[in-house]
Amino acid sequence: IHPIPTDAASPDEAAERYARELKSFYGA
């Protein structure tokens, strides 16, 4: 289960964290 983090300080920080998770899952 891969939720978007909602404990981030800002929407941009949450977006960056989720992008890293997606890229790690995708492998590129």
mmCIF file of all heavy atoms, coordinates in Angstrom:
data_MODEL
# 
_entry.id   MODEL 
# 
loop_
_atom_site.group_PDB 
_atom_site.id 
_atom_site.type_symbol 
_atom_site.label_atom_id 
_atom_site.label_alt_id 
_atom_site.label_comp_id 
_atom_site.label_asym_id 
_atom_site.label_entity_id 
_atom_site.label_seq_id 
_atom_site.pdbx_PDB_ins_code 
_atom_site.Cartn_x 
_atom_site.Cartn_y 
_atom_site.Cartn_z 
_atom_site.occupancy 
_atom_site.B_iso_or_equiv 
_atom_site.pdbx_formal_charge 
_atom_site.auth_seq_id 
_atom_site.auth_comp_id 
_atom_site.auth_asym_id 
_atom_site.auth_atom_id 
_atom_site.pdbx_PDB_model_num 
ATOM 1   N N   . ILE A 1 1  ? 0.862  -1.183 0.000   1.00 0.00 ? 1  ILE A N   1 
ATOM 2   C CA  . ILE A 1 1  ? 0.000  0.000  0.000   1.00 0.00 ? 1  ILE A CA  1 
ATOM 3   C C   . ILE A 1 1  ? 0.901  1.237  0.000   1.00 0.00 ? 1  ILE A C   1 
ATOM 4   O O   . ILE A 1 1  ? 1.749  1.394  0.869   1.00 0.00 ? 1  ILE A O   1 
ATOM 5   C CB  . ILE A 1 1  ? -0.929 0.014  1.226   1.00 0.00 ? 1  ILE A CB  1 
ATOM 6   C CG1 . ILE A 1 1  ? -1.767 -1.273 1.272   1.00 0.00 ? 1  ILE A CG1 1 
ATOM 7   C CG2 . ILE A 1 1  ? -1.826 1.234  1.200   1.00 0.00 ? 1  ILE A CG2 1 
ATOM 8   C CD1 . ILE A 1 1  ? -2.581 -1.430 2.546   1.00 0.00 ? 1  ILE A CD1 1 
ATOM 9   N N   . HIS A 1 2  ? 0.708  2.103  -0.981  1.00 0.00 ? 2  HIS A N   1 
ATOM 10  C CA  . HIS A 1 2  ? 1.602  3.248  -1.182  1.00 0.00 ? 2  HIS A CA  1 
ATOM 11  C C   . HIS A 1 2  ? 0.815  4.564  -1.151  1.00 0.00 ? 2  HIS A C   1 
ATOM 12  O O   . HIS A 1 2  ? 0.473  5.116  -2.202  1.00 0.00 ? 2  HIS A O   1 
ATOM 13  C CB  . HIS A 1 2  ? 2.333  3.109  -2.521  1.00 0.00 ? 2  HIS A CB  1 
ATOM 14  C CG  . HIS A 1 2  ? 3.081  1.823  -2.676  1.00 0.00 ? 2  HIS A CG  1 
ATOM 15  N ND1 . HIS A 1 2  ? 4.397  1.680  -2.297  1.00 0.00 ? 2  HIS A ND1 1 
ATOM 16  C CD2 . HIS A 1 2  ? 2.686  0.620  -3.163  1.00 0.00 ? 2  HIS A CD2 1 
ATOM 17  C CE1 . HIS A 1 2  ? 4.797  0.433  -2.562  1.00 0.00 ? 2  HIS A CE1 1 
ATOM 18  N NE2 . HIS A 1 2  ? 3.772  -0.221 -3.078  1.00 0.00 ? 2  HIS A NE2 1 
ATOM 19  N N   . PRO A 1 3  ? 0.517  5.090  0.028   1.00 0.00 ? 3  PRO A N   1 
ATOM 20  C CA  . PRO A 1 3  ? -0.226 6.362  0.119   1.00 0.00 ? 3  PRO A CA  1 
ATOM 21  C C   . PRO A 1 3  ? 0.676  7.556  -0.144  1.00 0.00 ? 3  PRO A C   1 
ATOM 22  O O   . PRO A 1 3  ? 1.902  7.491  0.038   1.00 0.00 ? 3  PRO A O   1 
ATOM 23  C CB  . PRO A 1 3  ? -0.728 6.358  1.564   1.00 0.00 ? 3  PRO A CB  1 
ATOM 24  C CG  . PRO A 1 3  ? 0.324  5.583  2.304   1.00 0.00 ? 3  PRO A CG  1 
ATOM 25  C CD  . PRO A 1 3  ? 0.812  4.523  1.350   1.00 0.00 ? 3  PRO A CD  1 
ATOM 26  N N   . ILE A 1 4  ? 0.092  8.630  -0.588  1.00 0.00 ? 4  ILE A N   1 
ATOM 27  C CA  . ILE A 1 4  ? 0.815  9.899  -0.663  1.00 0.00 ? 4  ILE A CA  1 
ATOM 28  C C   . ILE A 1 4  ? 1.014  10.401 0.769   1.00 0.00 ? 4  ILE A C   1 
ATOM 29  O O   . ILE A 1 4  ? 0.068  10.416 1.554   1.00 0.00 ? 4  ILE A O   1 
ATOM 30  C CB  . ILE A 1 4  ? 0.013  10.932 -1.484  1.00 0.00 ? 4  ILE A CB  1 
ATOM 31  C CG1 . ILE A 1 4  ? -0.005 10.520 -2.965  1.00 0.00 ? 4  ILE A CG1 1 
ATOM 32  C CG2 . ILE A 1 4  ? 0.593  12.336 -1.328  1.00 0.00 ? 4  ILE A CG2 1 
ATOM 33  C CD1 . ILE A 1 4  ? -0.888 11.379 -3.834  1.00 0.00 ? 4  ILE A CD1 1 
ATOM 34  N N   . PRO A 1 5  ? 2.233  10.785 1.146   1.00 0.00 ? 5  PRO A N   1 
ATOM 35  C CA  . PRO A 1 5  ? 2.466  11.235 2.524   1.00 0.00 ? 5  PRO A CA  1 
ATOM 36  C C   . PRO A 1 5  ? 1.746  12.548 2.808   1.00 0.00 ? 5  PRO A C   1 
ATOM 37  O O   . PRO A 1 5  ? 1.894  13.518 2.064   1.00 0.00 ? 5  PRO A O   1 
ATOM 38  C CB  . PRO A 1 5  ? 3.985  11.408 2.589   1.00 0.00 ? 5  PRO A CB  1 
ATOM 39  C CG  . PRO A 1 5  ? 4.414  11.640 1.171   1.00 0.00 ? 5  PRO A CG  1 
ATOM 40  C CD  . PRO A 1 5  ? 3.458  10.837 0.332   1.00 0.00 ? 5  PRO A CD  1 
ATOM 41  N N   . THR A 1 6  ? 0.972  12.571 3.867   1.00 0.00 ? 6  THR A N   1 
ATOM 42  C CA  . THR A 1 6  ? 0.240  13.792 4.228   1.00 0.00 ? 6  THR A CA  1 
ATOM 43  C C   . THR A 1 6  ? 0.819  14.467 5.471   1.00 0.00 ? 6  THR A C   1 
ATOM 44  O O   . THR A 1 6  ? 0.235  15.430 5.977   1.00 0.00 ? 6  THR A O   1 
ATOM 45  C CB  . THR A 1 6  ? -1.245 13.472 4.463   1.00 0.00 ? 6  THR A CB  1 
ATOM 46  O OG1 . THR A 1 6  ? -1.375 12.516 5.523   1.00 0.00 ? 6  THR A OG1 1 
ATOM 47  C CG2 . THR A 1 6  ? -1.889 12.914 3.200   1.00 0.00 ? 6  THR A CG2 1 
ATOM 48  N N   . ASP A 1 7  ? 1.947  13.975 5.937   1.00 0.00 ? 7  ASP A N   1 
ATOM 49  C CA  . ASP A 1 7  ? 2.612  14.609 7.080   1.00 0.00 ? 7  ASP A CA  1 
ATOM 50  C C   . ASP A 1 7  ? 3.699  15.570 6.631   1.00 0.00 ? 7  ASP A C   1 
ATOM 51  O O   . ASP A 1 7  ? 4.493  16.049 7.447   1.00 0.00 ? 7  ASP A O   1 
ATOM 52  C CB  . ASP A 1 7  ? 3.202  13.546 8.008   1.00 0.00 ? 7  ASP A CB  1 
ATOM 53  C CG  . ASP A 1 7  ? 4.223  12.651 7.303   1.00 0.00 ? 7  ASP A CG  1 
ATOM 54  O OD1 . ASP A 1 7  ? 4.323  12.705 6.051   1.00 0.00 ? 7  ASP A OD1 1 
ATOM 55  O OD2 . ASP A 1 7  ? 4.911  11.879 8.005   1.00 0.00 ? 7  ASP A OD2 1 
ATOM 56  N N   . ALA A 1 8  ? 3.751  15.866 5.333   1.00 0.00 ? 8  ALA A N   1 
ATOM 57  C CA  . ALA A 1 8  ? 4.761  16.767 4.799   1.00 0.00 ? 8  ALA A CA  1 
ATOM 58  C C   . ALA A 1 8  ? 4.445  18.213 5.183   1.00 0.00 ? 8  ALA A C   1 
ATOM 59  O O   . ALA A 1 8  ? 3.300  18.572 5.473   1.00 0.00 ? 8  ALA A O   1 
ATOM 60  C CB  . ALA A 1 8  ? 4.825  16.635 3.285   1.00 0.00 ? 8  ALA A CB  1 
ATOM 61  N N   . ALA A 1 9  ? 5.459  19.043 5.134   1.00 0.00 ? 9  ALA A N   1 
ATOM 62  C CA  . ALA A 1 9  ? 5.292  20.445 5.505   1.00 0.00 ? 9  ALA A CA  1 
ATOM 63  C C   . ALA A 1 9  ? 4.557  21.242 4.432   1.00 0.00 ? 9  ALA A C   1 
ATOM 64  O O   . ALA A 1 9  ? 4.001  22.307 4.724   1.00 0.00 ? 9  ALA A O   1 
ATOM 65  C CB  . ALA A 1 9  ? 6.657  21.073 5.774   1.00 0.00 ? 9  ALA A CB  1 
ATOM 66  N N   . SER A 1 10 ? 4.555  20.739 3.194   1.00 0.00 ? 10 SER A N   1 
ATOM 67  C CA  . SER A 1 10 ? 3.917  21.472 2.103   1.00 0.00 ? 10 SER A CA  1 
ATOM 68  C C   . SER A 1 10 ? 3.492  20.486 1.011   1.00 0.00 ? 10 SER A C   1 
ATOM 69  O O   . SER A 1 10 ? 3.987  19.350 0.961   1.00 0.00 ? 10 SER A O   1 
ATOM 70  C CB  . SER A 1 10 ? 4.896  22.487 1.500   1.00 0.00 ? 10 SER A CB  1 
ATOM 71  O OG  . SER A 1 10 ? 5.949  21.802 0.824   1.00 0.00 ? 10 SER A OG  1 
ATOM 72  N N   . PRO A 1 11 ? 2.577  20.900 0.123   1.00 0.00 ? 11 PRO A N   1 
ATOM 73  C CA  . PRO A 1 11 ? 2.205  20.025 -0.991  1.00 0.00 ? 11 PRO A CA  1 
ATOM 74  C C   . PRO A 1 11 ? 3.406  19.652 -1.869  1.00 0.00 ? 11 PRO A C   1 
ATOM 75  O O   . PRO A 1 11 ? 3.499  18.511 -2.340  1.00 0.00 ? 11 PRO A O   1 
ATOM 76  C CB  . PRO A 1 11 ? 1.183  20.863 -1.768  1.00 0.00 ? 11 PRO A CB  1 
ATOM 77  C CG  . PRO A 1 11 ? 0.618  21.811 -0.773  1.00 0.00 ? 11 PRO A CG  1 
ATOM 78  C CD  . PRO A 1 11 ? 1.748  22.124 0.154   1.00 0.00 ? 11 PRO A CD  1 
ATOM 79  N N   . ASP A 1 12 ? 4.310  20.601 -2.089  1.00 0.00 ? 12 ASP A N   1 
ATOM 80  C CA  . ASP A 1 12 ? 5.480  20.317 -2.932  1.00 0.00 ? 12 ASP A CA  1 
ATOM 81  C C   . ASP A 1 12 ? 6.384  19.269 -2.305  1.00 0.00 ? 12 ASP A C   1 
ATOM 82  O O   . ASP A 1 12 ? 6.927  18.397 -3.009  1.00 0.00 ? 12 ASP A O   1 
ATOM 83  C CB  . ASP A 1 12 ? 6.274  21.595 -3.193  1.00 0.00 ? 12 ASP A CB  1 
ATOM 84  C CG  . ASP A 1 12 ? 5.578  22.527 -4.176  1.00 0.00 ? 12 ASP A CG  1 
ATOM 85  O OD1 . ASP A 1 12 ? 4.658  22.059 -4.881  1.00 0.00 ? 12 ASP A OD1 1 
ATOM 86  O OD2 . ASP A 1 12 ? 5.946  23.715 -4.231  1.00 0.00 ? 12 ASP A OD2 1 
ATOM 87  N N   . GLU A 1 13 ? 6.544  19.335 -0.976  1.00 0.00 ? 13 GLU A N   1 
ATOM 88  C CA  . GLU A 1 13 ? 7.373  18.330 -0.301  1.00 0.00 ? 13 GLU A CA  1 
ATOM 89  C C   . GLU A 1 13 ? 6.729  16.949 -0.405  1.00 0.00 ? 13 GLU A C   1 
ATOM 90  O O   . GLU A 1 13 ? 7.410  15.952 -0.681  1.00 0.00 ? 13 GLU A O   1 
ATOM 91  C CB  . GLU A 1 13 ? 7.569  18.688 1.171   1.00 0.00 ? 13 GLU A CB  1 
ATOM 92  C CG  . GLU A 1 13 ? 8.419  17.660 1.925   1.00 0.00 ? 13 GLU A CG  1 
ATOM 93  C CD  . GLU A 1 13 ? 8.453  17.908 3.429   1.00 0.00 ? 13 GLU A CD  1 
ATOM 94  O OE1 . GLU A 1 13 ? 8.535  19.089 3.824   1.00 0.00 ? 13 GLU A OE1 1 
ATOM 95  O OE2 . GLU A 1 13 ? 8.385  16.912 4.191   1.00 0.00 ? 13 GLU A OE2 1 
ATOM 96  N N   . ALA A 1 14 ? 5.430  16.884 -0.199  1.00 0.00 ? 14 ALA A N   1 
ATOM 97  C CA  . ALA A 1 14 ? 4.724  15.606 -0.330  1.00 0.00 ? 14 ALA A CA  1 
ATOM 98  C C   . ALA A 1 14 ? 4.838  15.068 -1.744  1.00 0.00 ? 14 ALA A C   1 
ATOM 99  O O   . ALA A 1 14 ? 5.029  13.860 -1.953  1.00 0.00 ? 14 ALA A O   1 
ATOM 100 C CB  . ALA A 1 14 ? 3.255  15.783 0.053   1.00 0.00 ? 14 ALA A CB  1 
ATOM 101 N N   . ALA A 1 15 ? 4.728  15.960 -2.730  1.00 0.00 ? 15 ALA A N   1 
ATOM 102 C CA  . ALA A 1 15 ? 4.834  15.544 -4.130  1.00 0.00 ? 15 ALA A CA  1 
ATOM 103 C C   . ALA A 1 15 ? 6.211  14.971 -4.422  1.00 0.00 ? 15 ALA A C   1 
ATOM 104 O O   . ALA A 1 15 ? 6.340  13.936 -5.101  1.00 0.00 ? 15 ALA A O   1 
ATOM 105 C CB  . ALA A 1 15 ? 4.549  16.731 -5.043  1.00 0.00 ? 15 ALA A CB  1 
ATOM 106 N N   . GLU A 1 16 ? 7.236  15.611 -3.922  1.00 0.00 ? 16 GLU A N   1 
ATOM 107 C CA  . GLU A 1 16 ? 8.595  15.131 -4.173  1.00 0.00 ? 16 GLU A CA  1 
ATOM 108 C C   . GLU A 1 16 ? 8.820  13.774 -3.515  1.00 0.00 ? 16 GLU A C   1 
ATOM 109 O O   . GLU A 1 16 ? 9.435  12.883 -4.106  1.00 0.00 ? 16 GLU A O   1 
ATOM 110 C CB  . GLU A 1 16 ? 9.610  16.153 -3.651  1.00 0.00 ? 16 GLU A CB  1 
ATOM 111 C CG  . GLU A 1 16 ? 11.061 15.737 -3.809  1.00 0.00 ? 16 GLU A CG  1 
ATOM 112 C CD  . GLU A 1 16 ? 11.451 15.411 -5.251  1.00 0.00 ? 16 GLU A CD  1 
ATOM 113 O OE1 . GLU A 1 16 ? 10.918 16.061 -6.170  1.00 0.00 ? 16 GLU A OE1 1 
ATOM 114 O OE2 . GLU A 1 16 ? 12.286 14.504 -5.447  1.00 0.00 ? 16 GLU A OE2 1 
ATOM 115 N N   . ARG A 1 17 ? 8.326  13.599 -2.319  1.00 0.00 ? 17 ARG A N   1 
ATOM 116 C CA  . ARG A 1 17 ? 8.486  12.316 -1.635  1.00 0.00 ? 17 ARG A CA  1 
ATOM 117 C C   . ARG A 1 17 ? 7.767  11.196 -2.382  1.00 0.00 ? 17 ARG A C   1 
ATOM 118 O O   . ARG A 1 17 ? 8.285  10.081 -2.527  1.00 0.00 ? 17 ARG A O   1 
ATOM 119 C CB  . ARG A 1 17 ? 7.978  12.428 -0.195  1.00 0.00 ? 17 ARG A CB  1 
ATOM 120 C CG  . ARG A 1 17 ? 8.924  13.194 0.726   1.00 0.00 ? 17 ARG A CG  1 
ATOM 121 C CD  . ARG A 1 17 ? 8.275  13.557 2.053   1.00 0.00 ? 17 ARG A CD  1 
ATOM 122 N NE  . ARG A 1 17 ? 7.795  12.400 2.793   1.00 0.00 ? 17 ARG A NE  1 
ATOM 123 C CZ  . ARG A 1 17 ? 7.146  12.488 3.957   1.00 0.00 ? 17 ARG A CZ  1 
ATOM 124 N NH1 . ARG A 1 17 ? 6.916  13.679 4.492   1.00 0.00 ? 17 ARG A NH1 1 
ATOM 125 N NH2 . ARG A 1 17 ? 6.733  11.402 4.579   1.00 0.00 ? 17 ARG A NH2 1 
ATOM 126 N N   . TYR A 1 18 ? 6.556  11.491 -2.880  1.00 0.00 ? 18 TYR A N   1 
ATOM 127 C CA  . TYR A 1 18 ? 5.809  10.454 -3.597  1.00 0.00 ? 18 TYR A CA  1 
ATOM 128 C C   . TYR A 1 18 ? 6.452  10.164 -4.949  1.00 0.00 ? 18 TYR A C   1 
ATOM 129 O O   . TYR A 1 18 ? 6.476  9.013  -5.392  1.00 0.00 ? 18 TYR A O   1 
ATOM 130 C CB  . TYR A 1 18 ? 4.359  10.870 -3.778  1.00 0.00 ? 18 TYR A CB  1 
ATOM 131 C CG  . TYR A 1 18 ? 3.413  9.691  -3.946  1.00 0.00 ? 18 TYR A CG  1 
ATOM 132 C CD1 . TYR A 1 18 ? 3.418  8.641  -3.038  1.00 0.00 ? 18 TYR A CD1 1 
ATOM 133 C CD2 . TYR A 1 18 ? 2.504  9.634  -5.004  1.00 0.00 ? 18 TYR A CD2 1 
ATOM 134 C CE1 . TYR A 1 18 ? 2.547  7.564  -3.174  1.00 0.00 ? 18 TYR A CE1 1 
ATOM 135 C CE2 . TYR A 1 18 ? 1.626  8.570  -5.146  1.00 0.00 ? 18 TYR A CE2 1 
ATOM 136 C CZ  . TYR A 1 18 ? 1.657  7.541  -4.231  1.00 0.00 ? 18 TYR A CZ  1 
ATOM 137 O OH  . TYR A 1 18 ? 0.792  6.469  -4.364  1.00 0.00 ? 18 TYR A OH  1 
ATOM 138 N N   . ALA A 1 19 ? 6.992  11.179 -5.588  1.00 0.00 ? 19 ALA A N   1 
ATOM 139 C CA  . ALA A 1 19 ? 7.692  10.962 -6.855  1.00 0.00 ? 19 ALA A CA  1 
ATOM 140 C C   . ALA A 1 19 ? 8.879  10.034 -6.653  1.00 0.00 ? 19 ALA A C   1 
ATOM 141 O O   . ALA A 1 19 ? 9.131  9.142  -7.481  1.00 0.00 ? 19 ALA A O   1 
ATOM 142 C CB  . ALA A 1 19 ? 8.142  12.295 -7.440  1.00 0.00 ? 19 ALA A CB  1 
ATOM 143 N N   . ARG A 1 20 ? 9.610  10.210 -5.569  1.00 0.00 ? 20 ARG A N   1 
ATOM 144 C CA  . ARG A 1 20 ? 10.738 9.325  -5.287  1.00 0.00 ? 20 ARG A CA  1 
ATOM 145 C C   . ARG A 1 20 ? 10.267 7.889  -5.095  1.00 0.00 ? 20 ARG A C   1 
ATOM 146 O O   . ARG A 1 20 ? 10.922 6.937  -5.572  1.00 0.00 ? 20 ARG A O   1 
ATOM 147 C CB  . ARG A 1 20 ? 11.503 9.803  -4.047  1.00 0.00 ? 20 ARG A CB  1 
ATOM 148 C CG  . ARG A 1 20 ? 12.310 11.076 -4.273  1.00 0.00 ? 20 ARG A CG  1 
ATOM 149 C CD  . ARG A 1 20 ? 13.378 11.249 -3.204  1.00 0.00 ? 20 ARG A CD  1 
ATOM 150 N NE  . ARG A 1 20 ? 12.830 11.383 -1.869  1.00 0.00 ? 20 ARG A NE  1 
ATOM 151 C CZ  . ARG A 1 20 ? 12.515 12.536 -1.299  1.00 0.00 ? 20 ARG A CZ  1 
ATOM 152 N NH1 . ARG A 1 20 ? 12.710 13.681 -1.947  1.00 0.00 ? 20 ARG A NH1 1 
ATOM 153 N NH2 . ARG A 1 20 ? 12.040 12.580 -0.062  1.00 0.00 ? 20 ARG A NH2 1 
ATOM 154 N N   . GLU A 1 21 ? 9.136  7.718  -4.409  1.00 0.00 ? 21 GLU A N   1 
ATOM 155 C CA  . GLU A 1 21 ? 8.618  6.366  -4.204  1.00 0.00 ? 21 GLU A CA  1 
ATOM 156 C C   . GLU A 1 21 ? 8.193  5.735  -5.525  1.00 0.00 ? 21 GLU A C   1 
ATOM 157 O O   . GLU A 1 21 ? 8.466  4.549  -5.774  1.00 0.00 ? 21 GLU A O   1 
ATOM 158 C CB  . GLU A 1 21 ? 7.450  6.386  -3.226  1.00 0.00 ? 21 GLU A CB  1 
ATOM 159 C CG  . GLU A 1 21 ? 6.896  4.994  -2.918  1.00 0.00 ? 21 GLU A CG  1 
ATOM 160 C CD  . GLU A 1 21 ? 6.000  4.964  -1.697  1.00 0.00 ? 21 GLU A CD  1 
ATOM 161 O OE1 . GLU A 1 21 ? 5.779  6.025  -1.088  1.00 0.00 ? 21 GLU A OE1 1 
ATOM 162 O OE2 . GLU A 1 21 ? 5.524  3.868  -1.352  1.00 0.00 ? 21 GLU A OE2 1 
ATOM 163 N N   . LEU A 1 22 ? 7.521  6.491  -6.374  1.00 0.00 ? 22 LEU A N   1 
ATOM 164 C CA  . LEU A 1 22 ? 7.108  5.971  -7.671  1.00 0.00 ? 22 LEU A CA  1 
ATOM 165 C C   . LEU A 1 22 ? 8.311  5.590  -8.537  1.00 0.00 ? 22 LEU A C   1 
ATOM 166 O O   . LEU A 1 22 ? 8.316  4.538  -9.192  1.00 0.00 ? 22 LEU A O   1 
ATOM 167 C CB  . LEU A 1 22 ? 6.250  6.999  -8.406  1.00 0.00 ? 22 LEU A CB  1 
ATOM 168 C CG  . LEU A 1 22 ? 4.823  7.193  -7.903  1.00 0.00 ? 22 LEU A CG  1 
ATOM 169 C CD1 . LEU A 1 22 ? 4.204  8.436  -8.540  1.00 0.00 ? 22 LEU A CD1 1 
ATOM 170 C CD2 . LEU A 1 22 ? 3.969  5.970  -8.198  1.00 0.00 ? 22 LEU A CD2 1 
ATOM 171 N N   . LYS A 1 23 ? 9.314  6.433  -8.553  1.00 0.00 ? 23 LYS A N   1 
ATOM 172 C CA  . LYS A 1 23 ? 10.509 6.149  -9.357  1.00 0.00 ? 23 LYS A CA  1 
ATOM 173 C C   . LYS A 1 23 ? 11.247 4.920  -8.834  1.00 0.00 ? 23 LYS A C   1 
ATOM 174 O O   . LYS A 1 23 ? 11.773 4.117  -9.624  1.00 0.00 ? 23 LYS A O   1 
ATOM 175 C CB  . LYS A 1 23 ? 11.430 7.369  -9.366  1.00 0.00 ? 23 LYS A CB  1 
ATOM 176 C CG  . LYS A 1 23 ? 10.863 8.544  -10.150 1.00 0.00 ? 23 LYS A CG  1 
ATOM 177 C CD  . LYS A 1 23 ? 11.759 9.773  -10.050 1.00 0.00 ? 23 LYS A CD  1 
ATOM 178 C CE  . LYS A 1 23 ? 11.160 10.952 -10.813 1.00 0.00 ? 23 LYS A CE  1 
ATOM 179 N NZ  . LYS A 1 23 ? 11.989 12.172 -10.716 1.00 0.00 ? 23 LYS A NZ  1 
ATOM 180 N N   . SER A 1 24 ? 11.290 4.763  -7.514  1.00 0.00 ? 24 SER A N   1 
ATOM 181 C CA  . SER A 1 24 ? 11.920 3.578  -6.932  1.00 0.00 ? 24 SER A CA  1 
ATOM 182 C C   . SER A 1 24 ? 11.160 2.324  -7.332  1.00 0.00 ? 24 SER A C   1 
ATOM 183 O O   . SER A 1 24 ? 11.760 1.296  -7.689  1.00 0.00 ? 24 SER A O   1 
ATOM 184 C CB  . SER A 1 24 ? 11.971 3.710  -5.408  1.00 0.00 ? 24 SER A CB  1 
ATOM 185 O OG  . SER A 1 24 ? 12.485 2.534  -4.812  1.00 0.00 ? 24 SER A OG  1 
ATOM 186 N N   . PHE A 1 25 ? 9.837  2.378  -7.296  1.00 0.00 ? 25 PHE A N   1 
ATOM 187 C CA  . PHE A 1 25 ? 9.015  1.244  -7.695  1.00 0.00 ? 25 PHE A CA  1 
ATOM 188 C C   . PHE A 1 25 ? 9.205  0.932  -9.174  1.00 0.00 ? 25 PHE A C   1 
ATOM 189 O O   . PHE A 1 25 ? 9.349  -0.230 -9.574  1.00 0.00 ? 25 PHE A O   1 
ATOM 190 C CB  . PHE A 1 25 ? 7.550  1.550  -7.410  1.00 0.00 ? 25 PHE A CB  1 
ATOM 191 C CG  . PHE A 1 25 ? 6.591  0.468  -7.802  1.00 0.00 ? 25 PHE A CG  1 
ATOM 192 C CD1 . PHE A 1 25 ? 6.340  -0.606 -6.958  1.00 0.00 ? 25 PHE A CD1 1 
ATOM 193 C CD2 . PHE A 1 25 ? 5.943  0.509  -9.029  1.00 0.00 ? 25 PHE A CD2 1 
ATOM 194 C CE1 . PHE A 1 25 ? 5.451  -1.619 -7.325  1.00 0.00 ? 25 PHE A CE1 1 
ATOM 195 C CE2 . PHE A 1 25 ? 5.057  -0.492 -9.404  1.00 0.00 ? 25 PHE A CE2 1 
ATOM 196 C CZ  . PHE A 1 25 ? 4.812  -1.557 -8.558  1.00 0.00 ? 25 PHE A CZ  1 
ATOM 197 N N   . TYR A 1 26 ? 9.245  1.956  -9.989  1.00 0.00 ? 26 TYR A N   1 
ATOM 198 C CA  . TYR A 1 26 ? 9.372  1.802  -11.438 1.00 0.00 ? 26 TYR A CA  1 
ATOM 199 C C   . TYR A 1 26 ? 10.781 1.381  -11.850 1.00 0.00 ? 26 TYR A C   1 
ATOM 200 O O   . TYR A 1 26 ? 10.966 0.664  -12.835 1.00 0.00 ? 26 TYR A O   1 
ATOM 201 C CB  . TYR A 1 26 ? 9.002  3.123  -12.103 1.00 0.00 ? 26 TYR A CB  1 
ATOM 202 C CG  . TYR A 1 26 ? 8.882  3.081  -13.599 1.00 0.00 ? 26 TYR A CG  1 
ATOM 203 C CD1 . TYR A 1 26 ? 7.899  2.333  -14.233 1.00 0.00 ? 26 TYR A CD1 1 
ATOM 204 C CD2 . TYR A 1 26 ? 9.739  3.845  -14.406 1.00 0.00 ? 26 TYR A CD2 1 
ATOM 205 C CE1 . TYR A 1 26 ? 7.771  2.310  -15.613 1.00 0.00 ? 26 TYR A CE1 1 
ATOM 206 C CE2 . TYR A 1 26 ? 9.608  3.846  -15.790 1.00 0.00 ? 26 TYR A CE2 1 
ATOM 207 C CZ  . TYR A 1 26 ? 8.630  3.082  -16.386 1.00 0.00 ? 26 TYR A CZ  1 
ATOM 208 O OH  . TYR A 1 26 ? 8.496  3.072  -17.761 1.00 0.00 ? 26 TYR A OH  1 
ATOM 209 N N   . GLY A 1 27 ? 11.768 1.855  -11.093 1.00 0.00 ? 27 GLY A N   1 
ATOM 210 C CA  . GLY A 1 27 ? 13.150 1.486  -11.384 1.00 0.00 ? 27 GLY A CA  1 
ATOM 211 C C   . GLY A 1 27 ? 13.824 2.360  -12.410 1.00 0.00 ? 27 GLY A C   1 
ATOM 212 O O   . GLY A 1 27 ? 14.818 1.942  -13.029 1.00 0.00 ? 27 GLY A O   1 
ATOM 213 N N   . ALA A 1 28 ? 13.307 3.571  -12.628 1.00 0.00 ? 28 ALA A N   1 
ATOM 214 C CA  . ALA A 1 28 ? 13.901 4.485  -13.601 1.00 0.00 ? 28 ALA A CA  1 
ATOM 215 C C   . ALA A 1 28 ? 13.469 5.898  -13.287 1.00 0.00 ? 28 ALA A C   1 
ATOM 216 O O   . ALA A 1 28 ? 12.480 6.134  -12.589 1.00 0.00 ? 28 ALA A O   1 
ATOM 217 C CB  . ALA A 1 28 ? 13.495 4.103  -15.022 1.00 0.00 ? 28 ALA A CB  1 
# 
